[in-house]
Amino acid sequence: MALERVVPEEEATICGHFFPGGTIVGMSPYIVNRYQPTWGEDADIWRPRHWLDGEPAHVRKLEASLLSFGAGTRVCLGQNVAMFEIKKLVAALFMNYDAMKLTMCTETSRSNLSSREKRPIVTHGL
């Protein structure tokens, strides 16, 4: 999903780039959320430590740069519901499953979860 805007009819120059009036410009949240100058060399890897270990000013910059739900007047209306559901899901997972980090496995897998209750959740690459 691209976050699109239309350049005003009087045209615009942004960071030295000219945009004729009426041009549709946009950005991809997927790309912005992986921008290395903001997120670091390991921008493609989920690192909660970005928020936990960072200076308050840097954490505010990260929060402003995370555009998974959009931003400003066009922020996703379901953001608060989604965040609530994520918190409930995480709590339910930890109540019903045992989590453990595998130390003997160096290979990662996209299929990390077991569907059986009271079985360990196998995680890779934490």
Protein backbone atom coordinates (compact mmCIF):
# COMPACT_ATOMS: atom_id res chain seq x y z
CA MET A 1 0.00 0.00 0.00
CA ALA A 2 1.55 3.29 -1.04
CA LEU A 3 0.83 6.45 0.93
CA GLU A 4 -0.03 8.82 -1.92
CA ARG A 5 -0.37 12.58 -2.19
CA VAL A 6 -1.04 14.90 -5.14
CA VAL A 7 1.36 17.78 -5.78
CA PRO A 8 -0.52 21.12 -5.66
CA GLU A 9 -1.24 22.77 -9.02
CA GLU A 10 1.44 25.41 -8.38
CA GLU A 11 4.13 22.63 -8.46
CA ALA A 12 6.76 21.87 -5.83
CA THR A 13 10.50 21.38 -5.40
CA ILE A 14 11.46 19.06 -2.54
CA CYS A 15 15.10 18.35 -1.68
CA GLY A 16 16.13 19.63 -5.10
CA HIS A 17 13.62 17.44 -7.01
CA PHE A 18 11.01 19.24 -9.13
CA PHE A 19 7.44 17.88 -9.19
CA PRO A 20 4.92 19.32 -11.67
CA GLY A 21 1.50 20.25 -10.29
CA GLY A 22 -0.97 17.35 -10.24
CA THR A 23 1.75 14.68 -10.01
CA ILE A 24 0.87 11.77 -7.73
CA VAL A 25 3.75 10.95 -5.39
CA GLY A 26 3.87 8.24 -2.79
CA MET A 27 6.02 6.16 -0.52
CA SER A 28 5.93 2.56 0.52
CA PRO A 29 5.69 1.91 4.28
CA TYR A 30 7.55 -1.36 3.64
CA ILE A 31 10.55 0.58 2.28
CA VAL A 32 10.37 3.39 4.86
CA ASN A 33 10.27 0.82 7.68
CA ARG A 34 13.55 -0.63 6.36
CA TYR A 35 15.43 2.63 5.70
CA GLN A 36 19.00 1.94 6.86
CA PRO A 37 19.94 5.52 7.85
CA THR A 38 17.07 5.35 10.39
CA TRP A 39 17.01 1.69 11.40
CA GLY A 40 20.68 0.75 10.98
CA GLU A 41 22.55 -1.80 8.89
CA ASP A 42 20.26 -4.60 10.12
CA ALA A 43 17.06 -2.78 9.06
CA ASP A 44 15.56 -5.97 7.61
CA ILE A 45 15.69 -7.73 10.99
CA TRP A 46 13.14 -7.10 13.75
CA ARG A 47 15.10 -5.77 16.72
CA PRO A 48 12.99 -4.72 19.75
CA ARG A 49 16.23 -3.45 21.31
CA HIS A 50 15.97 -0.40 19.00
CA TRP A 51 13.33 0.91 21.42
CA LEU A 52 14.58 -0.61 24.66
CA ASP A 53 18.22 0.52 24.52
CA GLY A 54 17.91 3.79 22.62
CA GLU A 55 18.14 7.35 23.85
CA PRO A 56 14.70 9.02 24.25
CA ALA A 57 15.26 11.34 21.26
CA HIS A 58 16.25 8.38 19.07
CA VAL A 59 13.24 6.34 20.25
CA ARG A 60 10.92 9.25 19.31
CA LYS A 61 12.54 9.32 15.86
CA LEU A 62 11.96 5.58 15.46
CA GLU A 63 8.33 5.88 16.54
CA ALA A 64 7.78 8.70 14.03
CA SER A 65 9.48 6.65 11.30
CA LEU A 66 7.45 3.46 11.75
CA LEU A 67 4.68 3.79 9.16
CA SER A 68 3.01 0.37 9.28
CA PHE A 69 -0.33 2.07 10.05
CA GLY A 70 0.32 5.29 8.14
CA ALA A 71 0.59 8.62 9.95
CA GLY A 72 -1.06 11.94 10.59
CA THR A 73 -4.57 12.62 9.34
CA ARG A 74 -4.52 9.45 7.24
CA VAL A 75 -3.49 7.03 9.96
CA CYS A 76 -5.28 3.68 9.85
CA LEU A 77 -8.53 3.93 11.82
CA GLY A 78 -8.07 0.34 12.99
CA GLN A 79 -4.61 0.90 14.50
CA ASN A 80 -5.78 0.92 18.13
CA VAL A 81 -7.95 -2.17 17.59
CA ALA A 82 -5.05 -3.98 15.88
CA MET A 83 -2.62 -3.10 18.69
CA PHE A 84 -5.15 -4.30 21.28
CA GLU A 85 -5.59 -7.59 19.40
CA ILE A 86 -1.82 -8.07 19.12
CA LYS A 87 -1.43 -7.62 22.90
CA LYS A 88 -4.22 -10.12 23.57
CA LEU A 89 -2.69 -12.59 21.08
CA VAL A 90 0.75 -12.39 22.68
CA ALA A 91 -0.75 -12.88 26.14
CA ALA A 92 -2.81 -15.86 24.92
CA LEU A 93 0.25 -17.43 23.28
CA PHE A 94 2.30 -17.21 26.47
CA MET A 95 -0.61 -18.53 28.56
CA ASN A 96 -1.14 -21.58 26.33
CA TYR A 97 2.32 -22.41 25.00
CA ASP A 98 5.85 -22.74 26.30
CA ALA A 99 8.43 -20.66 24.44
CA MET A 100 12.08 -21.56 24.21
CA LYS A 101 15.07 -20.43 22.25
CA LEU A 102 16.85 -23.11 20.26
CA THR A 103 20.59 -22.90 20.66
CA MET A 104 21.52 -25.95 18.60
CA CYS A 105 19.84 -24.82 15.38
CA THR A 106 21.48 -22.33 13.02
CA GLU A 107 18.95 -22.66 10.20
CA THR A 108 15.90 -20.38 10.19
CA SER A 109 12.40 -21.29 9.15
CA ARG A 110 9.30 -19.27 8.32
CA SER A 111 7.12 -21.99 9.83
CA ASN A 112 7.83 -21.36 13.51
CA LEU A 113 4.58 -22.09 15.31
CA SER A 114 3.02 -25.33 16.43
CA SER A 115 -0.79 -25.49 16.34
CA ARG A 116 -1.15 -27.92 19.24
CA GLU A 117 -1.92 -26.52 22.67
CA LYS A 118 0.57 -26.99 25.50
CA ARG A 119 3.39 -27.71 23.09
CA PRO A 120 6.53 -25.58 22.92
CA ILE A 121 6.66 -22.77 20.41
CA VAL A 122 9.87 -23.20 18.46
CA THR A 123 11.53 -19.91 17.60
CA HIS A 124 14.50 -19.36 15.35
CA GLY A 125 16.95 -16.51 15.02
CA LEU A 126 16.01 -14.56 18.15
